PDB file of N, CA and C in Angstrom:
ATOM      1  N   MET A   1       6.768 -48.202  14.025  1.00  0.00           N
ATOM      2  CA  MET A   1       7.142 -47.912  13.065  1.00  0.00           C
ATOM      3  C   MET A   1       5.754 -47.222  12.383  1.00  0.00           C
ATOM      4  N   GLU A   2       4.906 -47.900  12.583  1.00  0.00           N
ATOM      5  CA  GLU A   2       3.409 -47.615  11.577  1.00  0.00           C
ATOM      6  C   GLU A   2       2.580 -46.185  12.160  1.00  0.00           C
ATOM      7  N   ASP A   3       3.206 -46.388  13.584  1.00  0.00           N
ATOM      8  CA  ASP A   3       2.591 -45.125  14.455  1.00  0.00           C
ATOM      9  C   ASP A   3       2.723 -43.756  13.878  1.00  0.00           C
ATOM     10  N   ARG A   4       4.209 -44.269  13.601  1.00  0.00           N
ATOM     11  CA  ARG A   4       4.858 -42.605  13.620  1.00  0.00           C
ATOM     12  C   ARG A   4       4.588 -42.349  12.047  1.00  0.00           C
ATOM     13  N   ALA A   5       4.341 -43.138  11.145  1.00  0.00           N
ATOM     14  CA  ALA A   5       4.325 -42.655   9.536  1.00  0.00           C
ATOM     15  C   ALA A   5       2.856 -42.351   9.383  1.00  0.00           C
ATOM     16  N   ARG A   6       1.766 -42.516  10.695  1.00  0.00           N
ATOM     17  CA  ARG A   6       0.786 -41.842  10.715  1.00  0.00           C
ATOM     18  C   ARG A   6       0.856 -40.271  11.011  1.00  0.00           C
ATOM     19  N   ASP A   7       1.463 -40.170  11.947  1.00  0.00           N
ATOM     20  CA  ASP A   7       1.831 -39.101  12.399  1.00  0.00           C
ATOM     21  C   ASP A   7       2.678 -37.530  11.482  1.00  0.00           C
ATOM     22  N   VAL A   8       3.391 -38.243  10.641  1.00  0.00           N
ATOM     23  CA  VAL A   8       3.982 -37.611   9.673  1.00  0.00           C
ATOM     24  C   VAL A   8       3.334 -37.350   9.005  1.00  0.00           C
ATOM     25  N   SER A   9       2.060 -38.054   8.234  1.00  0.00           N
ATOM     26  CA  SER A   9       1.006 -37.839   7.321  1.00  0.00           C
ATOM     27  C   SER A   9       0.661 -36.651   7.762  1.00  0.00           C
ATOM     28  N   SER A  10       0.107 -36.557   9.154  1.00  0.00           N
ATOM     29  CA  SER A  10      -1.108 -35.926   9.308  1.00  0.00           C
ATOM     30  C   SER A  10      -0.797 -34.758   9.469  1.00  0.00           C
ATOM     31  N   VAL A  11       0.703 -34.238  10.160  1.00  0.00           N
ATOM     32  CA  VAL A  11       1.605 -33.474  10.084  1.00  0.00           C
ATOM     33  C   VAL A  11       1.867 -32.873   8.802  1.00  0.00           C
ATOM     34  N   SER A  12       2.021 -33.150   7.934  1.00  0.00           N
ATOM     35  CA  SER A  12       2.198 -32.701   6.261  1.00  0.00           C
ATOM     36  C   SER A  12       0.644 -32.006   5.773  1.00  0.00           C
ATOM     37  N   LYS A  13      -0.126 -33.124   6.229  1.00  0.00           N
ATOM     38  CA  LYS A  13      -1.460 -32.868   5.636  1.00  0.00           C
ATOM     39  C   LYS A  13      -1.741 -31.438   6.568  1.00  0.00           C
ATOM     40  N   GLN A  14      -1.979 -31.405   7.377  1.00  0.00           N
ATOM     41  CA  GLN A  14      -1.788 -29.646   8.239  1.00  0.00           C
ATOM     42  C   GLN A  14      -1.054 -28.671   8.034  1.00  0.00           C
ATOM     43  N   SER A  15      -0.044 -29.179   7.718  1.00  0.00           N
ATOM     44  CA  SER A  15       1.057 -27.748   7.007  1.00  0.00           C
ATOM     45  C   SER A  15       0.528 -27.251   5.745  1.00  0.00           C
ATOM     46  N   VAL A  16      -0.145 -28.334   5.028  1.00  0.00           N
ATOM     47  CA  VAL A  16      -0.522 -28.306   3.584  1.00  0.00           C
ATOM     48  C   VAL A  16      -1.678 -27.436   3.927  1.00  0.00           C
ATOM     49  N   SER A  17      -2.423 -27.721   4.812  1.00  0.00           N
ATOM     50  CA  SER A  17      -3.904 -26.939   4.680  1.00  0.00           C
ATOM     51  C   SER A  17      -3.605 -25.290   4.931  1.00  0.00           C
ATOM     52  N   GLN A  18      -2.714 -24.948   5.971  1.00  0.00           N
ATOM     53  CA  GLN A  18      -2.218 -23.931   6.327  1.00  0.00           C
ATOM     54  C   GLN A  18      -1.417 -23.274   5.297  1.00  0.00           C
ATOM     55  N   GLN A  19      -0.835 -23.751   4.378  1.00  0.00           N
ATOM     56  CA  GLN A  19      -0.301 -22.917   3.278  1.00  0.00           C
ATOM     57  C   GLN A  19      -1.393 -22.685   1.994  1.00  0.00           C
ATOM     58  N   SER A  20      -2.678 -23.656   2.274  1.00  0.00           N
ATOM     59  CA  SER A  20      -3.528 -22.749   1.283  1.00  0.00           C
ATOM     60  C   SER A  20      -4.432 -21.961   1.844  1.00  0.00           C
ATOM     61  N   ILE A  21      -4.780 -21.816   3.655  1.00  0.00           N
ATOM     62  CA  ILE A  21      -5.390 -20.803   3.622  1.00  0.00           C
ATOM     63  C   ILE A  21      -4.597 -19.742   3.661  1.00  0.00           C
ATOM     64  N   SER A  22      -3.233 -19.632   4.049  1.00  0.00           N
ATOM     65  CA  SER A  22      -2.672 -18.304   3.561  1.00  0.00           C
ATOM     66  C   SER A  22      -2.161 -17.699   2.502  1.00  0.00           C
ATOM     67  N   GLN A  23      -2.175 -18.618   1.655  1.00  0.00           N
ATOM     68  CA  GLN A  23      -2.318 -18.240   0.011  1.00  0.00           C
ATOM     69  C   GLN A  23      -3.626 -17.716  -0.508  1.00  0.00           C
ATOM     70  N   GLN A  24      -5.118 -18.611   0.287  1.00  0.00           N
ATOM     71  CA  GLN A  24      -6.119 -17.703  -0.087  1.00  0.00           C
ATOM     72  C   GLN A  24      -6.322 -16.086   0.654  1.00  0.00           C
ATOM     73  N   SER A  25      -5.722 -15.724   1.618  1.00  0.00           N
ATOM     74  CA  SER A  25      -5.809 -14.635   2.291  1.00  0.00           C
ATOM     75  C   SER A  25      -4.899 -14.222   1.439  1.00  0.00           C
ATOM     76  N   ILE A  26      -3.801 -14.321   1.113  1.00  0.00           N
ATOM     77  CA  ILE A  26      -2.895 -13.115   0.151  1.00  0.00           C
ATOM     78  C   ILE A  26      -3.502 -12.664  -0.844  1.00  0.00           C
ATOM     79  N   SER A  27      -4.043 -13.782  -1.628  1.00  0.00           N
ATOM     80  CA  SER A  27      -4.708 -13.643  -2.543  1.00  0.00           C
ATOM     81  C   SER A  27      -6.289 -12.625  -2.664  1.00  0.00           C
ATOM     82  N   GLN A  28      -6.991 -12.699  -1.380  1.00  0.00           N
ATOM     83  CA  GLN A  28      -8.058 -11.802  -1.032  1.00  0.00           C
ATOM     84  C   GLN A  28      -7.578 -10.724  -0.667  1.00  0.00           C
ATOM     85  N   SER A  29      -6.042 -10.330  -0.051  1.00  0.00           N
ATOM     86  CA  SER A  29      -5.624  -9.360  -0.064  1.00  0.00           C
ATOM     87  C   SER A  29      -5.125  -8.278  -0.934  1.00  0.00           C
ATOM     88  N   ALA A  30      -4.745  -8.887  -1.896  1.00  0.00           N
ATOM     89  CA  ALA A  30      -4.564  -8.480  -3.235  1.00  0.00           C
ATOM     90  C   ALA A  30      -5.682  -7.919  -4.102  1.00  0.00           C
ATOM     91  N   LEU A  31      -6.807  -8.642  -3.836  1.00  0.00           N
ATOM     92  CA  LEU A  31      -7.777  -8.234  -4.774  1.00  0.00           C
ATOM     93  C   LEU A  31      -8.677  -6.786  -3.928  1.00  0.00           C
ATOM     94  N   THR A  32      -8.407  -6.922  -3.055  1.00  0.00           N
ATOM     95  CA  THR A  32      -9.371  -6.026  -1.790  1.00  0.00           C
ATOM     96  C   THR A  32      -8.204  -4.782  -1.647  1.00  0.00           C
ATOM     97  N   ARG A  33      -7.527  -4.124  -2.720  1.00  0.00           N
ATOM     98  CA  ARG A  33      -6.713  -3.052  -2.428  1.00  0.00           C
ATOM     99  C   ARG A  33      -7.309  -1.677  -1.631  1.00  0.00           C
ATOM    100  N   GLN A  34      -6.590  -1.094  -0.771  1.00  0.00           N
ATOM    101  CA  GLN A  34      -7.141  -0.280  -0.121  1.00  0.00           C
ATOM    102  C   GLN A  34      -6.513   0.824  -0.883  1.00  0.00           C
ATOM    103  N   ARG A  35      -7.783   1.914  -1.245  1.00  0.00           N
ATOM    104  CA  ARG A  35      -7.930   2.951  -1.850  1.00  0.00           C
ATOM    105  C   ARG A  35      -7.813   4.287  -0.891  1.00  0.00           C
ATOM    106  N   GLU A  36      -7.177   5.625  -1.213  1.00  0.00           N
ATOM    107  CA  GLU A  36      -7.220   6.846  -0.385  1.00  0.00           C
ATOM    108  C   GLU A  36      -8.824   7.621  -0.345  1.00  0.00           C
ATOM    109  N   GLY A  37      -9.088   7.574   0.420  1.00  0.00           N
ATOM    110  CA  GLY A  37     -10.309   8.808   0.095  1.00  0.00           C
ATOM    111  C   GLY A  37      -9.799  10.184  -0.594  1.00  0.00           C
ATOM    112  N   ARG A  38     -11.294  10.886  -1.422  1.00  0.00           N
ATOM    113  CA  ARG A  38     -11.251  11.940  -1.773  1.00  0.00           C
ATOM    114  C   ARG A  38     -10.761  12.954  -1.328  1.00  0.00           C
ATOM    115  N   GLY A  39     -10.567  12.830   0.445  1.00  0.00           N
ATOM    116  CA  GLY A  39     -10.102  13.816   1.304  1.00  0.00           C
ATOM    117  C   GLY A  39      -8.539  13.706   0.780  1.00  0.00           C
ATOM    118  N   ALA A  40      -7.597  12.816   0.527  1.00  0.00           N
ATOM    119  CA  ALA A  40      -6.358  12.690   0.147  1.00  0.00           C
ATOM    120  C   ALA A  40      -5.903  13.223  -1.315  1.00  0.00           C
ATOM    121  N   TRP A  41      -6.535  12.969  -2.016  1.00  0.00           N
ATOM    122  CA  TRP A  41      -6.990  13.674  -3.448  1.00  0.00           C
ATOM    123  C   TRP A  41      -6.793  15.185  -3.058  1.00  0.00           C
ATOM    124  N   VAL A  42      -8.055  15.585  -3.018  1.00  0.00           N
ATOM    125  CA  VAL A  42      -8.127  17.080  -2.429  1.00  0.00           C
ATOM    126  C   VAL A  42      -7.073  17.972  -2.091  1.00  0.00           C
ATOM    127  N   LEU A  43      -6.304  17.348  -0.825  1.00  0.00           N
ATOM    128  CA  LEU A  43      -5.593  17.681   0.035  1.00  0.00           C
ATOM    129  C   LEU A  43      -4.067  18.108  -1.271  1.00  0.00           C
ATOM    130  N   THR A  44      -3.887  16.916  -1.736  1.00  0.00           N
ATOM    131  CA  THR A  44      -2.982  16.731  -2.667  1.00  0.00           C
ATOM    132  C   THR A  44      -2.739  17.642  -3.921  1.00  0.00           C
ATOM    133  N   ALA A  45      -4.071  17.726  -4.468  1.00  0.00           N
ATOM    134  CA  ALA A  45      -4.206  18.955  -5.458  1.00  0.00           C
ATOM    135  C   ALA A  45      -3.928  20.652  -4.640  1.00  0.00           C
ATOM    136  N   TYR A  46      -4.332  20.851  -3.465  1.00  0.00           N
ATOM    137  CA  TYR A  46      -4.017  21.913  -2.630  1.00  0.00           C
ATOM    138  C   TYR A  46      -2.576  22.186  -2.546  1.00  0.00           C
ATOM    139  N   GLY A  47      -2.003  21.057  -2.408  1.00  0.00           N
ATOM    140  CA  GLY A  47      -0.565  20.956  -1.989  1.00  0.00           C
ATOM    141  C   GLY A  47       0.316  21.440  -3.520  1.00  0.00           C
ATOM    142  N   ILE A  48      -0.114  21.072  -4.391  1.00  0.00           N
ATOM    143  CA  ILE A  48       0.316  21.174  -5.833  1.00  0.00           C
ATOM    144  C   ILE A  48       0.416  22.600  -6.322  1.00  0.00           C
ATOM    145  N   SER A  49      -1.337  23.144  -6.367  1.00  0.00           N
ATOM    146  CA  SER A  49      -1.456  24.227  -6.682  1.00  0.00           C
ATOM    147  C   SER A  49      -0.574  25.441  -5.219  1.00  0.00           C
ATOM    148  N   GLY A  50      -0.577  25.149  -4.183  1.00  0.00           N
ATOM    149  CA  GLY A  50       0.024  26.049  -3.079  1.00  0.00           C
ATOM    150  C   GLY A  50       1.632  26.099  -3.598  1.00  0.00           C
ATOM    151  N   LEU A  51       2.058  25.182  -3.971  1.00  0.00           N
ATOM    152  CA  LEU A  51       3.358  25.308  -4.587  1.00  0.00           C
ATOM    153  C   LEU A  51       3.550  26.005  -5.833  1.00  0.00           C
ATOM    154  N   ALA A  52       2.522  25.860  -6.777  1.00  0.00           N
ATOM    155  CA  ALA A  52       2.917  26.988  -7.778  1.00  0.00           C
ATOM    156  C   ALA A  52       2.762  28.348  -7.546  1.00  0.00           C
ATOM    157  N   VAL A  53       1.755  28.612  -6.896  1.00  0.00           N
ATOM    158  CA  VAL A  53       1.242  29.706  -6.542  1.00  0.00           C
ATOM    159  C   VAL A  53       2.782  30.353  -5.523  1.00  0.00           C
ATOM    160  N   PHE A  54       3.186  29.701  -4.899  1.00  0.00           N
ATOM    161  CA  PHE A  54       4.589  30.252  -4.206  1.00  0.00           C
ATOM    162  C   PHE A  54       5.567  30.104  -4.991  1.00  0.00           C
ATOM    163  N   ALA A  55       5.990  29.539  -6.199  1.00  0.00           N
ATOM    164  CA  ALA A  55       6.790  29.815  -7.103  1.00  0.00           C
ATOM    165  C   ALA A  55       6.158  30.896  -8.087  1.00  0.00           C
ATOM    166  N   VAL A  56       5.034  31.222  -8.461  1.00  0.00           N
ATOM    167  CA  VAL A  56       5.067  32.510  -9.290  1.00  0.00           C
ATOM    168  C   VAL A  56       5.259  33.895  -8.512  1.00  0.00           C
ATOM    169  N   LEU A  57       4.521  33.669  -6.808  1.00  0.00           N
ATOM    170  CA  LEU A  57       4.999  34.795  -6.046  1.00  0.00           C
ATOM    171  C   LEU A  57       6.478  34.815  -5.988  1.00  0.00           C
ATOM    172  N   ALA A  58       7.337  33.873  -5.700  1.00  0.00           N
ATOM    173  CA  ALA A  58       8.576  33.793  -5.308  1.00  0.00           C
ATOM    174  C   ALA A  58       9.465  34.755  -6.683  1.00  0.00           C
ATOM    175  N   TYR A  59       9.141  34.230  -8.014  1.00  0.00           N
ATOM    176  CA  TYR A  59       9.370  34.416  -9.417  1.00  0.00           C
ATOM    177  C   TYR A  59       9.408  36.198  -9.313  1.00  0.00           C
ATOM    178  N   PHE A  60       8.025  36.501  -8.857  1.00  0.00           N
ATOM    179  CA  PHE A  60       7.773  38.106  -9.332  1.00  0.00           C
ATOM    180  C   PHE A  60       8.323  39.194  -7.651  1.00  0.00           C
ATOM    181  N   PHE A  61       8.339  38.376  -6.900  1.00  0.00           N
ATOM    182  CA  PHE A  61       9.566  38.737  -5.858  1.00  0.00           C
ATOM    183  C   PHE A  61      10.782  39.068  -6.111  1.00  0.00           C
ATOM    184  N   SER A  62      11.724  38.224  -6.811  1.00  0.00           N
ATOM    185  CA  SER A  62      12.715  38.387  -6.978  1.00  0.00           C
ATOM    186  C   SER A  62      13.072  39.253  -8.266  1.00  0.00           C
ATOM    187  N   ASP A  63      11.945  39.153  -9.230  1.00  0.00           N
ATOM    188  CA  ASP A  63      11.991  40.088  -9.968  1.00  0.00           C
ATOM    189  C   ASP A  63      12.141  41.707  -9.299  1.00  0.00           C
ATOM    190  N   PHE A  64      10.961  42.027  -8.620  1.00  0.00           N
ATOM    191  CA  PHE A  64      11.280  43.435  -7.670  1.00  0.00           C
ATOM    192  C   PHE A  64      12.418  43.517  -7.301  1.00  0.00           C
ATOM    193  N   ILE A  65      12.779  42.593  -6.710  1.00  0.00           N
ATOM    194  CA  ILE A  65      14.091  42.607  -5.697  1.00  0.00           C
ATOM    195  C   ILE A  65      15.392  43.395  -6.229  1.00  0.00           C
ATOM    196  N   ALA A  66      15.555  42.487  -8.061  1.00  0.00           N
ATOM    197  CA  ALA A  66      16.338  42.667  -9.184  1.00  0.00           C
ATOM    198  C   ALA A  66      16.871  44.295  -9.477  1.00  0.00           C
ATOM    199  N   ARG A  67      15.568  44.678  -9.795  1.00  0.00           N
ATOM    200  CA  ARG A  67      15.305  46.086 -10.007  1.00  0.00           C
ATOM    201  C   ARG A  67      16.168  46.824  -9.437  1.00  0.00           C
TER     202      ARG A  67
END
């Protein structure tokens, strides 16, 4: 029985150390957030600008057709 008690305590120590390692990796990944590059923001700005220009052109085209 004494041998089994030692085995159980070593298993519980291993699981505790694995949990602390996983918690450390989670906290490190939360601190190092992946950010988008400048190119993504430029493409977003071009996309929004393109939609605005398309809306203005669609307005004038529909006004032209309505006359």
